[in-house]
Protein backbone atom coordinates (compact mmCIF):
# COMPACT_ATOMS: atom_id res chain seq x y z
CA MET A 1 -0.06 0.09 -0.08
CA THR A 2 1.35 3.50 -0.96
CA MET A 3 0.16 6.21 0.81
CA SER A 4 -0.57 9.50 -1.21
CA PRO A 5 2.50 11.90 -1.18
CA THR A 6 2.43 15.70 -0.64
CA LEU A 7 4.54 17.27 -3.44
CA THR A 8 5.85 20.83 -3.59
CA THR A 9 7.05 22.76 -6.52
CA SER A 10 7.95 26.65 -6.42
CA ARG A 11 4.20 27.69 -6.70
CA LEU A 12 2.32 24.71 -5.68
CA ILE A 13 1.51 22.00 -3.24
CA LEU A 14 0.05 18.87 -4.62
CA ARG A 15 -1.59 17.13 -1.72
CA PRO A 16 -4.06 14.33 -0.57
CA MET A 17 -7.70 15.16 -1.34
CA GLU A 18 -10.01 16.26 1.57
CA MET A 19 -13.63 16.37 2.01
CA GLY A 20 -13.33 20.28 1.81
CA ASP A 21 -12.38 19.67 -1.66
CA TRP A 22 -15.79 17.99 -2.52
CA ASP A 23 -17.96 21.31 -3.42
CA SER A 24 -15.48 22.76 -6.02
CA TYR A 25 -14.59 19.16 -7.47
CA ARG A 26 -18.47 18.50 -7.72
CA GLY A 27 -19.19 22.01 -9.42
CA PHE A 28 -16.60 21.18 -11.98
CA MET A 29 -17.79 17.83 -12.72
CA ALA A 30 -21.44 19.21 -13.19
CA SER A 31 -20.29 21.76 -15.41
CA ASP A 32 -20.12 21.71 -19.30
CA ARG A 33 -16.07 21.82 -18.76
CA ALA A 34 -16.62 18.15 -17.88
CA ARG A 35 -17.80 17.25 -21.45
CA TYR A 36 -14.04 16.04 -22.17
CA MET A 37 -14.38 13.57 -19.33
CA GLY A 38 -17.67 12.18 -20.44
CA GLY A 39 -19.82 14.57 -18.20
CA PRO A 40 -21.40 16.55 -17.14
CA PHE A 41 -21.86 14.15 -14.20
CA THR A 42 -24.60 13.93 -11.64
CA PRO A 43 -23.57 14.34 -7.89
CA ALA A 44 -23.88 10.46 -7.53
CA VAL A 45 -21.54 9.74 -10.29
CA THR A 46 -19.28 12.48 -9.17
CA TRP A 47 -19.13 11.14 -5.71
CA GLY A 48 -18.05 7.65 -7.01
CA MET A 49 -15.16 9.32 -8.94
CA PHE A 50 -14.03 11.43 -6.03
CA CYS A 51 -13.96 8.50 -3.81
CA ALA A 52 -12.13 6.43 -6.73
CA ASP A 53 -9.61 9.07 -6.90
CA HIS A 54 -8.95 8.93 -3.32
CA ALA A 55 -9.06 5.23 -2.81
CA GLN A 56 -6.65 4.33 -5.66
CA TRP A 57 -3.64 5.33 -3.56
CA SER A 58 -4.23 2.49 -0.93
CA LEU A 59 -5.64 -0.10 -3.61
CA LEU A 60 -3.17 0.96 -6.60
CA GLY A 61 -0.43 2.93 -5.21
CA CYS A 62 -1.45 5.99 -7.30
CA GLY A 63 -4.22 8.35 -7.44
CA ALA A 64 -5.23 12.07 -7.39
CA LEU A 65 -3.68 14.96 -5.58
CA MET A 66 -5.32 18.26 -5.36
CA ILE A 67 -3.23 21.43 -6.84
CA VAL A 68 -3.18 24.12 -4.19
CA HIS A 69 -1.55 27.42 -4.58
CA ARG A 70 1.28 27.97 -2.05
CA ASP A 71 0.72 31.50 -1.30
CA SER A 72 -2.96 31.87 -1.18
CA GLY A 73 -3.88 28.10 -0.21
CA GLU A 74 -6.47 28.18 -2.89
CA CYS A 75 -7.41 24.78 -4.45
CA LEU A 76 -6.84 25.09 -8.21
CA GLY A 77 -7.80 21.64 -9.52
CA GLN A 78 -6.43 18.13 -9.52
CA VAL A 79 -3.72 16.05 -10.99
CA GLY A 80 -3.58 12.39 -10.80
CA ILE A 81 -2.56 9.05 -12.00
CA ASN A 82 -5.51 6.90 -12.83
CA HIS A 83 -5.22 3.01 -13.08
CA GLY A 84 -7.41 -0.04 -12.27
CA PRO A 85 -10.04 -1.75 -14.38
CA LEU A 86 -11.22 1.21 -16.29
CA PHE A 87 -7.78 2.23 -17.54
CA PRO A 88 -5.57 -0.06 -19.70
CA GLU A 89 -2.49 1.75 -18.65
CA ARG A 90 -1.36 4.29 -15.82
CA GLU A 91 -2.81 7.65 -16.98
CA LEU A 92 -1.41 11.02 -16.05
CA GLY A 93 -4.54 13.14 -15.90
CA TRP A 94 -5.30 16.66 -14.78
CA LEU A 95 -8.11 19.27 -14.48
CA VAL A 96 -7.96 22.84 -13.34
CA TYR A 97 -10.73 24.99 -12.24
CA PRO A 98 -11.73 27.92 -14.66
CA LYS A 99 -10.15 30.57 -12.47
CA ALA A 100 -6.87 28.71 -12.63
CA GLU A 101 -6.61 28.33 -16.25
CA GLY A 102 -3.76 30.06 -18.28
CA HIS A 103 -0.97 30.43 -15.58
CA GLY A 104 0.74 27.21 -16.12
CA PHE A 105 -0.44 25.45 -12.98
CA ALA A 106 -1.63 22.19 -14.77
CA PHE A 107 1.69 22.09 -16.65
CA GLU A 108 3.70 22.57 -13.28
CA ALA A 109 1.53 19.96 -11.32
CA ALA A 110 1.68 17.41 -14.08
CA THR A 111 5.29 17.77 -14.43
CA ALA A 112 5.79 17.33 -10.67
CA LEU A 113 3.56 14.26 -10.34
CA ARG A 114 5.15 12.65 -13.42
CA ALA A 115 8.71 13.11 -11.90
CA TRP A 116 7.46 11.72 -8.63
CA ALA A 117 5.92 8.67 -10.63
CA GLN A 118 9.13 7.91 -12.46
CA GLU A 119 11.49 8.54 -9.77
CA THR A 120 9.55 7.01 -6.83
CA ARG A 121 7.29 4.44 -8.28
CA LYS A 122 9.66 3.76 -11.20
CA PHE A 123 6.86 3.92 -13.64
CA GLU A 124 8.76 3.92 -16.99
CA THR A 125 5.76 5.28 -19.15
CA LEU A 126 2.55 7.07 -18.41
CA VAL A 127 -0.31 7.90 -20.79
CA SER A 128 -2.89 10.74 -20.99
CA TYR A 129 -6.23 9.87 -22.49
CA ILE A 130 -7.62 12.88 -24.24
CA ASP A 131 -10.76 13.84 -25.92
CA PRO A 132 -9.82 15.01 -29.28
CA ALA A 133 -11.87 18.31 -28.97
CA ASN A 134 -10.06 18.98 -25.92
CA LEU A 135 -7.40 21.18 -27.53
CA ARG A 136 -6.05 22.66 -24.36
CA SER A 137 -5.23 19.27 -23.11
CA ILE A 138 -3.70 18.16 -26.28
CA ARG A 139 -1.39 21.24 -26.24
CA LEU A 140 -0.51 20.36 -22.48
CA ALA A 141 0.31 16.91 -23.34
CA GLU A 142 2.68 18.10 -26.17
CA HIS A 143 4.19 20.68 -24.15
CA LEU A 144 4.86 17.99 -21.50
CA GLY A 145 6.73 16.26 -24.27
CA ALA A 146 4.19 13.51 -24.53
CA ILE A 147 3.94 11.84 -28.11
CA LEU A 148 0.69 10.62 -29.76
CA ASP A 149 0.39 6.81 -29.74
CA PRO A 150 -2.22 5.70 -32.04
CA GLN A 151 -1.53 1.90 -31.27
CA ALA A 152 -2.09 2.12 -27.33
CA ALA A 153 -5.14 0.56 -25.77
CA ARG A 154 -7.63 3.27 -24.65
CA PRO A 155 -10.71 3.06 -22.44
CA ASP A 156 -12.83 4.85 -25.03
CA PRO A 157 -11.95 4.21 -28.84
CA GLY A 158 -12.56 7.90 -29.67
CA GLU A 159 -9.77 9.04 -27.38
CA LEU A 160 -6.40 10.07 -28.31
CA VAL A 161 -3.42 8.67 -26.36
CA TYR A 162 -0.46 10.70 -25.53
CA ARG A 163 2.53 8.75 -24.20
CA HIS A 164 4.81 10.28 -21.66
CA PHE A 165 8.72 9.06 -21.66
CA GLY A 166 11.63 9.98 -19.66
CA PRO A 167 12.35 12.22 -16.56
CA ALA A 168 10.52 15.32 -16.07
CA THR A 169 12.93 17.86 -14.87
CA GLU A 170 11.45 21.42 -15.43
CA PHE A 171 10.31 21.91 -11.88
CA ALA A 172 12.24 20.79 -8.63
CA VAL A 173 9.88 18.61 -6.85
CA GLY A 174 9.94 18.22 -2.90
CA VAL A 175 8.23 15.50 -1.00
CA ARG A 176 6.99 15.67 2.48
């Protein structure tokens, strides 16, 4: 069993999920912005996703962390490594709340979690499953250095799969 880490970068804290994160998470998942993830979702479905994001740490040694601004303490979104029966491979995924977009937070958080996964868990590769209409996530995956892998298995045949290789070194990462 792997306990969820707390990671730090120059601007962010990536921390385990807390019940206080529920309202913002639920709001995001109920919004049109969740359409790239198969939503919008009902509160019942969202609750299952929230619990799964948390439970994966004890069950699979990976899961979700909340993205928190170090200075303000504001929760900006989530980054995670998803796995289990719904995911053919370990997936590096992210979501940022609307007010946090355009500041590089998703890039910084994804880079830090990917580095942790490669250095601590020794995951040689991760993938990101992305809806082809989600141009922002496609650009982010490419900015992270991920490469489109049309041969990869995917949970949804319409999704794109971007494969992440090698160490992520842009941001220094601290683990608490």
